[in-house]
Amino acid sequence: MAQTTSATTTPPIIIDLGKIGKKKVRQFKEGRGEIAAEVQQILNETRANLGADAAGKELVPIVLVYKQKKRGGRGGKKLGLPFPF
């Protein structure tokens, strides 16, 4: 049997930081830099917006860093022939 909880859940907060360079990502992993400060600021704003609901709760940020895959170059179909052909 699955357990149900009566506690209300808050939806996750999704933040789009836009394009970020390698240097800023590295600094964020180390816990410093512009991105770390921005995430901390957003957490503080979220705590302020939650008000009394945030008392005794720990907000855990989940930050995803992704890289968009580049599209293929030539546009032609690959023949699938072995290399030494």
N, C-alpha and C. Protein backbone atom coordinates (compact mmCIF):
# COMPACT_ATOMS: atom_id res chain seq x y z
N MET A 1 0.83 -1.18 0.00
CA MET A 1 0.00 0.00 0.00
C MET A 1 0.87 1.24 0.00
N ALA A 2 0.46 2.21 -0.74
CA ALA A 2 1.20 3.46 -0.81
C ALA A 2 0.75 4.38 0.32
N GLN A 3 1.70 5.06 0.91
CA GLN A 3 1.38 5.99 1.97
C GLN A 3 1.06 7.34 1.37
N THR A 4 0.08 7.99 1.90
CA THR A 4 -0.26 9.33 1.43
C THR A 4 0.03 10.31 2.54
N THR A 5 0.43 11.48 2.17
CA THR A 5 0.69 12.53 3.15
C THR A 5 -0.30 13.65 2.93
N SER A 6 -0.68 14.29 4.00
CA SER A 6 -1.64 15.38 3.91
C SER A 6 -0.95 16.73 3.78
N ALA A 7 0.36 16.76 3.80
CA ALA A 7 1.09 18.01 3.70
C ALA A 7 0.98 18.56 2.29
N THR A 8 0.84 19.85 2.21
CA THR A 8 0.78 20.47 0.89
C THR A 8 2.19 20.65 0.37
N THR A 9 2.35 20.44 -0.89
CA THR A 9 3.67 20.58 -1.49
C THR A 9 3.69 21.85 -2.32
N THR A 10 4.84 22.46 -2.34
CA THR A 10 5.02 23.65 -3.17
C THR A 10 5.67 23.23 -4.47
N PRO A 11 5.27 23.82 -5.55
CA PRO A 11 5.87 23.44 -6.84
C PRO A 11 7.33 23.86 -6.89
N PRO A 12 8.14 23.15 -7.64
CA PRO A 12 9.55 23.53 -7.72
C PRO A 12 9.71 24.87 -8.44
N ILE A 13 10.76 25.55 -8.07
CA ILE A 13 11.07 26.84 -8.69
C ILE A 13 12.11 26.59 -9.76
N ILE A 14 11.77 26.92 -10.98
CA ILE A 14 12.68 26.69 -12.11
C ILE A 14 13.23 28.04 -12.54
N ILE A 15 14.55 28.12 -12.63
CA ILE A 15 15.23 29.36 -12.95
C ILE A 15 16.05 29.14 -14.21
N ASP A 16 15.81 29.96 -15.21
CA ASP A 16 16.59 29.88 -16.44
C ASP A 16 17.66 30.96 -16.38
N LEU A 17 18.91 30.53 -16.27
CA LEU A 17 20.02 31.48 -16.15
C LEU A 17 20.59 31.87 -17.51
N GLY A 18 20.12 31.25 -18.56
CA GLY A 18 20.62 31.57 -19.89
C GLY A 18 21.96 30.91 -20.16
N LYS A 19 22.64 31.40 -21.16
CA LYS A 19 23.93 30.84 -21.55
C LYS A 19 25.00 31.21 -20.52
N ILE A 20 25.73 30.21 -20.07
CA ILE A 20 26.76 30.42 -19.05
C ILE A 20 28.07 29.83 -19.56
N GLY A 21 29.13 30.57 -19.40
CA GLY A 21 30.45 30.11 -19.84
C GLY A 21 31.05 29.09 -18.89
N LYS A 22 32.07 28.41 -19.37
CA LYS A 22 32.74 27.36 -18.58
C LYS A 22 33.32 27.91 -17.28
N LYS A 23 33.87 29.10 -17.34
CA LYS A 23 34.49 29.69 -16.16
C LYS A 23 33.46 29.93 -15.06
N LYS A 24 32.28 30.44 -15.44
CA LYS A 24 31.24 30.70 -14.44
C LYS A 24 30.69 29.40 -13.87
N VAL A 25 30.60 28.36 -14.70
CA VAL A 25 30.14 27.06 -14.21
C VAL A 25 31.13 26.51 -13.21
N ARG A 26 32.42 26.62 -13.51
CA ARG A 26 33.45 26.13 -12.60
C ARG A 26 33.41 26.89 -11.28
N GLN A 27 33.24 28.21 -11.35
CA GLN A 27 33.15 29.00 -10.13
C GLN A 27 31.92 28.61 -9.31
N PHE A 28 30.81 28.34 -10.00
CA PHE A 28 29.60 27.93 -9.30
C PHE A 28 29.79 26.60 -8.59
N LYS A 29 30.48 25.66 -9.23
CA LYS A 29 30.75 24.37 -8.61
C LYS A 29 31.60 24.54 -7.35
N GLU A 30 32.44 25.56 -7.34
CA GLU A 30 33.29 25.84 -6.18
C GLU A 30 32.55 26.66 -5.13
N GLY A 31 31.31 27.08 -5.43
CA GLY A 31 30.51 27.84 -4.47
C GLY A 31 30.78 29.32 -4.45
N ARG A 32 31.30 29.85 -5.52
CA ARG A 32 31.57 31.29 -5.58
C ARG A 32 31.18 31.82 -6.95
N GLY A 33 31.24 33.12 -7.12
CA GLY A 33 30.95 33.71 -8.42
C GLY A 33 29.53 34.24 -8.54
N GLU A 34 29.24 34.78 -9.73
CA GLU A 34 27.95 35.42 -9.99
C GLU A 34 26.78 34.45 -9.88
N ILE A 35 26.94 33.26 -10.41
CA ILE A 35 25.84 32.30 -10.44
C ILE A 35 25.47 31.86 -9.02
N ALA A 36 26.48 31.59 -8.18
CA ALA A 36 26.22 31.19 -6.79
C ALA A 36 25.49 32.32 -6.06
N ALA A 37 25.89 33.56 -6.31
CA ALA A 37 25.23 34.70 -5.66
C ALA A 37 23.80 34.83 -6.15
N GLU A 38 23.56 34.59 -7.44
CA GLU A 38 22.21 34.70 -7.99
C GLU A 38 21.30 33.62 -7.42
N VAL A 39 21.80 32.39 -7.31
CA VAL A 39 21.01 31.30 -6.73
C VAL A 39 20.70 31.61 -5.27
N GLN A 40 21.67 32.12 -4.53
CA GLN A 40 21.44 32.47 -3.13
C GLN A 40 20.40 33.58 -3.00
N GLN A 41 20.46 34.56 -3.90
CA GLN A 41 19.48 35.65 -3.88
C GLN A 41 18.08 35.11 -4.15
N ILE A 42 17.94 34.20 -5.09
CA ILE A 42 16.64 33.63 -5.41
C ILE A 42 16.11 32.80 -4.23
N LEU A 43 16.99 32.08 -3.55
CA LEU A 43 16.56 31.33 -2.36
C LEU A 43 16.06 32.27 -1.27
N ASN A 44 16.76 33.39 -1.08
CA ASN A 44 16.34 34.36 -0.08
C ASN A 44 14.98 34.96 -0.43
N GLU A 45 14.76 35.27 -1.72
CA GLU A 45 13.47 35.80 -2.16
C GLU A 45 12.36 34.77 -1.95
N THR A 46 12.67 33.50 -2.21
CA THR A 46 11.69 32.44 -2.04
C THR A 46 11.31 32.29 -0.58
N ARG A 47 12.30 32.33 0.31
CA ARG A 47 12.02 32.26 1.75
C ARG A 47 11.14 33.42 2.18
N ALA A 48 11.42 34.62 1.65
CA ALA A 48 10.63 35.79 2.01
C ALA A 48 9.20 35.66 1.49
N ASN A 49 9.02 35.11 0.30
CA ASN A 49 7.68 34.95 -0.27
C ASN A 49 6.87 33.87 0.46
N LEU A 50 7.55 32.84 0.95
CA LEU A 50 6.85 31.78 1.67
C LEU A 50 6.40 32.25 3.06
N GLY A 51 7.14 33.18 3.63
CA GLY A 51 6.78 33.74 4.93
C GLY A 51 6.84 32.70 6.03
N ALA A 52 5.74 32.54 6.75
CA ALA A 52 5.69 31.62 7.89
C ALA A 52 5.76 30.16 7.44
N ASP A 53 5.39 29.89 6.21
CA ASP A 53 5.45 28.51 5.70
C ASP A 53 6.89 28.00 5.60
N ALA A 54 7.85 28.90 5.48
CA ALA A 54 9.24 28.50 5.33
C ALA A 54 9.91 28.19 6.67
N ALA A 55 9.23 28.49 7.77
CA ALA A 55 9.82 28.26 9.09
C ALA A 55 10.05 26.77 9.30
N GLY A 56 11.27 26.42 9.63
CA GLY A 56 11.63 25.04 9.91
C GLY A 56 11.84 24.19 8.67
N LYS A 57 11.78 24.78 7.50
CA LYS A 57 11.98 24.02 6.27
C LYS A 57 13.33 24.40 5.65
N GLU A 58 13.92 23.44 5.03
CA GLU A 58 15.19 23.69 4.35
C GLU A 58 14.93 23.65 2.85
N LEU A 59 15.29 24.73 2.18
CA LEU A 59 15.14 24.80 0.73
C LEU A 59 16.42 24.28 0.10
N VAL A 60 16.28 23.33 -0.81
CA VAL A 60 17.43 22.75 -1.47
C VAL A 60 17.37 23.10 -2.95
N PRO A 61 18.31 23.90 -3.42
CA PRO A 61 18.28 24.24 -4.84
C PRO A 61 18.82 23.09 -5.69
N ILE A 62 18.19 22.85 -6.80
CA ILE A 62 18.67 21.88 -7.77
C ILE A 62 18.97 22.65 -9.04
N VAL A 63 20.22 22.68 -9.41
CA VAL A 63 20.64 23.46 -10.57
C VAL A 63 21.10 22.50 -11.65
N LEU A 64 20.51 22.62 -12.82
CA LEU A 64 20.89 21.80 -13.96
C LEU A 64 21.68 22.64 -14.94
N VAL A 65 22.80 22.12 -15.36
CA VAL A 65 23.61 22.78 -16.37
C VAL A 65 23.61 21.86 -17.58
N TYR A 66 23.23 22.40 -18.71
CA TYR A 66 23.15 21.56 -19.90
C TYR A 66 23.79 22.28 -21.08
N LYS A 67 24.13 21.50 -22.05
CA LYS A 67 24.73 22.02 -23.26
C LYS A 67 23.92 21.48 -24.43
N GLN A 68 23.46 22.37 -25.28
CA GLN A 68 22.66 21.94 -26.40
C GLN A 68 23.55 21.28 -27.44
N LYS A 69 23.11 20.12 -27.90
CA LYS A 69 23.89 19.38 -28.87
C LYS A 69 23.84 20.09 -30.21
N LYS A 70 25.00 20.22 -30.85
CA LYS A 70 25.07 20.87 -32.15
C LYS A 70 24.49 19.95 -33.21
N ARG A 71 23.86 20.54 -34.18
CA ARG A 71 23.27 19.77 -35.26
C ARG A 71 24.35 19.31 -36.22
N GLY A 72 24.05 18.28 -37.00
CA GLY A 72 25.00 17.74 -37.96
C GLY A 72 25.41 18.76 -39.00
N GLY A 73 26.55 18.53 -39.64
CA GLY A 73 27.11 19.54 -40.52
C GLY A 73 26.71 19.46 -41.98
N ARG A 74 26.90 18.37 -42.62
CA ARG A 74 26.79 18.32 -44.07
C ARG A 74 25.36 18.26 -44.59
N GLY A 75 24.46 17.73 -43.85
CA GLY A 75 23.08 17.68 -44.27
C GLY A 75 22.75 16.50 -45.16
N GLY A 76 23.74 15.76 -45.64
CA GLY A 76 23.49 14.60 -46.47
C GLY A 76 23.31 13.36 -45.63
N LYS A 77 22.75 12.32 -46.25
CA LYS A 77 22.58 11.07 -45.51
C LYS A 77 23.90 10.31 -45.49
N LYS A 78 24.15 9.67 -44.38
CA LYS A 78 25.35 8.85 -44.27
C LYS A 78 25.08 7.51 -44.93
N LEU A 79 26.05 7.03 -45.67
CA LEU A 79 25.86 5.79 -46.40
C LEU A 79 26.03 4.55 -45.53
N GLY A 80 26.73 4.67 -44.43
CA GLY A 80 26.90 3.54 -43.55
C GLY A 80 27.92 2.54 -44.07
N LEU A 81 28.80 2.98 -44.95
CA LEU A 81 29.83 2.09 -45.49
C LEU A 81 31.01 2.02 -44.53
N PRO A 82 31.71 0.91 -44.49
CA PRO A 82 32.87 0.81 -43.59
C PRO A 82 33.95 1.81 -44.02
N PHE A 83 34.81 2.14 -43.08
CA PHE A 83 35.81 3.20 -43.28
C PHE A 83 36.75 2.98 -44.46
N PRO A 84 37.39 1.81 -44.61
CA PRO A 84 38.39 1.72 -45.68
C PRO A 84 37.81 1.64 -47.08
N PHE A 85 36.59 1.84 -47.25
CA PHE A 85 35.97 1.73 -48.57
C PHE A 85 36.37 2.86 -49.46
